[in-house]
């Protein structure tokens, strides 16, 4: 639905061919991917989130900035700012909705924090396993 509206908007302007539309969609997907991981890093505790910060968040910030530079080089300034604003708003809304959904499923907050802690340490173990093997 969203991709169709972008294709229609670019085609209506007549300035861009199909290759530029595909590049713009790839630019938007890259922004969405990298900013989602940046936002995801905020969910982890400071102690257990060290490896997540080290490996995932720093690389995601680099990817986000590289995608922004790519966008400013290849597309008009207005379209890049529109895409960045749209992606940031979309990710914040998405994480807000997910947070409300998860809080509604766990009535006892202690169980939620226990499960969250186990998941955090499981992620750390998986990362360490793949690093050393």
Protein backbone atom coordinates (compact mmCIF):
# COMPACT_ATOMS: atom_id res chain seq x y z
CA UNK A 1 0.00 0.00 0.00
CA UNK A 2 2.70 2.49 0.99
CA UNK A 3 5.01 1.40 -1.81
CA UNK A 4 2.23 1.82 -4.36
CA UNK A 5 1.66 5.41 -3.23
CA UNK A 6 5.38 6.18 -3.57
CA UNK A 7 5.46 4.69 -7.07
CA UNK A 8 2.36 6.66 -8.04
CA UNK A 9 3.78 9.90 -6.64
CA UNK A 10 7.08 9.52 -8.48
CA UNK A 11 5.39 8.44 -11.69
CA UNK A 12 2.99 11.37 -11.48
CA UNK A 13 5.88 13.81 -11.27
CA UNK A 14 7.40 12.24 -14.35
CA UNK A 15 10.94 13.01 -13.24
CA UNK A 16 11.96 9.55 -12.17
CA UNK A 17 12.20 6.31 -14.03
CA UNK A 18 11.52 2.89 -12.52
CA UNK A 19 15.18 2.44 -11.50
CA UNK A 20 15.10 5.59 -9.38
CA UNK A 21 11.84 4.45 -7.79
CA UNK A 22 13.43 1.11 -6.85
CA UNK A 23 16.45 2.95 -5.41
CA UNK A 24 14.15 5.18 -3.35
CA UNK A 25 12.23 2.18 -2.00
CA UNK A 26 15.54 0.55 -1.08
CA UNK A 27 16.56 3.78 0.65
CA UNK A 28 13.35 3.75 2.69
CA UNK A 29 13.75 0.07 3.62
CA UNK A 30 17.35 0.72 4.73
CA UNK A 31 16.22 3.64 6.91
CA UNK A 32 13.46 1.51 8.42
CA UNK A 33 15.81 -1.40 9.10
CA UNK A 34 18.56 0.66 10.71
CA UNK A 35 16.33 2.94 12.79
CA UNK A 36 14.38 -0.08 14.07
CA UNK A 37 17.60 -1.55 15.47
CA UNK A 38 18.57 1.81 16.96
CA UNK A 39 15.23 1.99 18.74
CA UNK A 40 15.43 -1.67 19.75
CA UNK A 41 18.68 -1.03 21.62
CA UNK A 42 16.83 1.24 24.09
CA UNK A 43 14.78 -1.72 25.32
CA UNK A 44 17.73 -3.58 26.82
CA UNK A 45 19.15 -3.02 30.28
CA UNK A 46 22.42 -1.14 30.50
CA UNK A 47 24.48 -4.11 31.74
CA UNK A 48 23.21 -6.75 29.38
CA UNK A 49 22.75 -4.31 26.53
CA UNK A 50 26.48 -3.62 26.26
CA UNK A 51 27.04 -6.19 23.51
CA UNK A 52 23.86 -5.10 21.76
CA UNK A 53 25.10 -1.51 21.87
CA UNK A 54 28.56 -2.49 20.73
CA UNK A 55 27.57 -4.66 17.78
CA UNK A 56 24.07 -3.76 16.70
CA UNK A 57 23.40 -0.15 17.62
CA UNK A 58 26.71 1.31 16.45
CA UNK A 59 26.46 -0.47 13.12
CA UNK A 60 22.83 0.64 12.81
CA UNK A 61 23.77 4.28 13.43
CA UNK A 62 26.44 4.00 10.75
CA UNK A 63 23.95 2.42 8.35
CA UNK A 64 21.34 5.09 9.11
CA UNK A 65 23.80 7.93 8.49
CA UNK A 66 25.15 6.27 5.34
CA UNK A 67 21.59 5.86 4.04
CA UNK A 68 20.88 9.53 4.75
CA UNK A 69 24.02 10.59 2.84
CA UNK A 70 23.05 8.27 -0.01
CA UNK A 71 19.59 9.81 -0.07
CA UNK A 72 20.88 13.38 -0.14
CA UNK A 73 23.22 12.51 -3.02
CA UNK A 74 20.65 10.74 -5.18
CA UNK A 75 17.27 12.28 -4.42
CA UNK A 76 15.79 15.70 -3.86
CA UNK A 77 16.18 17.26 -0.44
CA UNK A 78 12.42 17.31 0.17
CA UNK A 79 11.97 13.60 -0.55
CA UNK A 80 14.84 12.63 1.75
CA UNK A 81 13.52 14.71 4.65
CA UNK A 82 10.03 13.33 4.05
CA UNK A 83 11.33 9.74 4.13
CA UNK A 84 13.44 10.27 7.26
CA UNK A 85 10.55 11.90 9.12
CA UNK A 86 8.13 9.23 7.97
CA UNK A 87 10.41 6.37 9.05
CA UNK A 88 11.15 7.87 12.47
CA UNK A 89 7.44 8.46 13.12
CA UNK A 90 6.54 4.97 11.86
CA UNK A 91 9.12 3.24 14.06
CA UNK A 92 8.06 5.19 17.16
CA UNK A 93 4.40 4.38 16.52
CA UNK A 94 5.23 0.74 15.87
CA UNK A 95 7.23 0.37 19.09
CA UNK A 96 4.51 2.20 21.04
CA UNK A 97 1.86 -0.19 19.77
CA UNK A 98 4.00 -3.22 20.49
CA UNK A 99 4.70 -1.91 24.00
CA UNK A 100 0.99 -1.47 24.70
CA UNK A 101 0.26 -4.96 23.36
CA UNK A 102 2.96 -6.60 25.50
CA UNK A 103 1.88 -4.72 28.63
CA UNK A 104 -1.69 -5.86 28.10
CA UNK A 105 -0.58 -9.51 27.89
CA UNK A 106 1.47 -9.48 31.12
CA UNK A 107 -0.59 -8.53 34.13
CA UNK A 108 2.25 -9.39 36.51
CA UNK A 109 5.21 -7.13 35.70
CA UNK A 110 7.71 -9.32 37.59
CA UNK A 111 7.11 -12.21 35.20
CA UNK A 112 7.62 -9.84 32.29
CA UNK A 113 10.97 -8.61 33.61
CA UNK A 114 12.13 -12.19 34.30
CA UNK A 115 11.30 -13.25 30.75
CA UNK A 116 12.92 -10.10 29.36
CA UNK A 117 16.12 -10.76 31.33
CA UNK A 118 16.31 -14.36 30.08
CA UNK A 119 15.83 -13.20 26.50
CA UNK A 120 18.54 -10.55 26.86
CA UNK A 121 21.08 -13.04 28.15
CA UNK A 122 20.07 -15.57 25.51
CA UNK A 123 20.80 -12.97 22.83
CA UNK A 124 24.20 -12.29 24.38
CA UNK A 125 25.01 -16.02 24.42
CA UNK A 126 23.98 -16.39 20.77
CA UNK A 127 26.11 -13.39 19.73
CA UNK A 128 29.12 -14.74 21.62
CA UNK A 129 28.59 -18.18 20.11
CA UNK A 130 28.64 -16.79 16.58
CA UNK A 131 31.65 -14.59 17.31
CA UNK A 132 33.82 -17.37 18.66
CA UNK A 133 32.75 -20.13 16.25
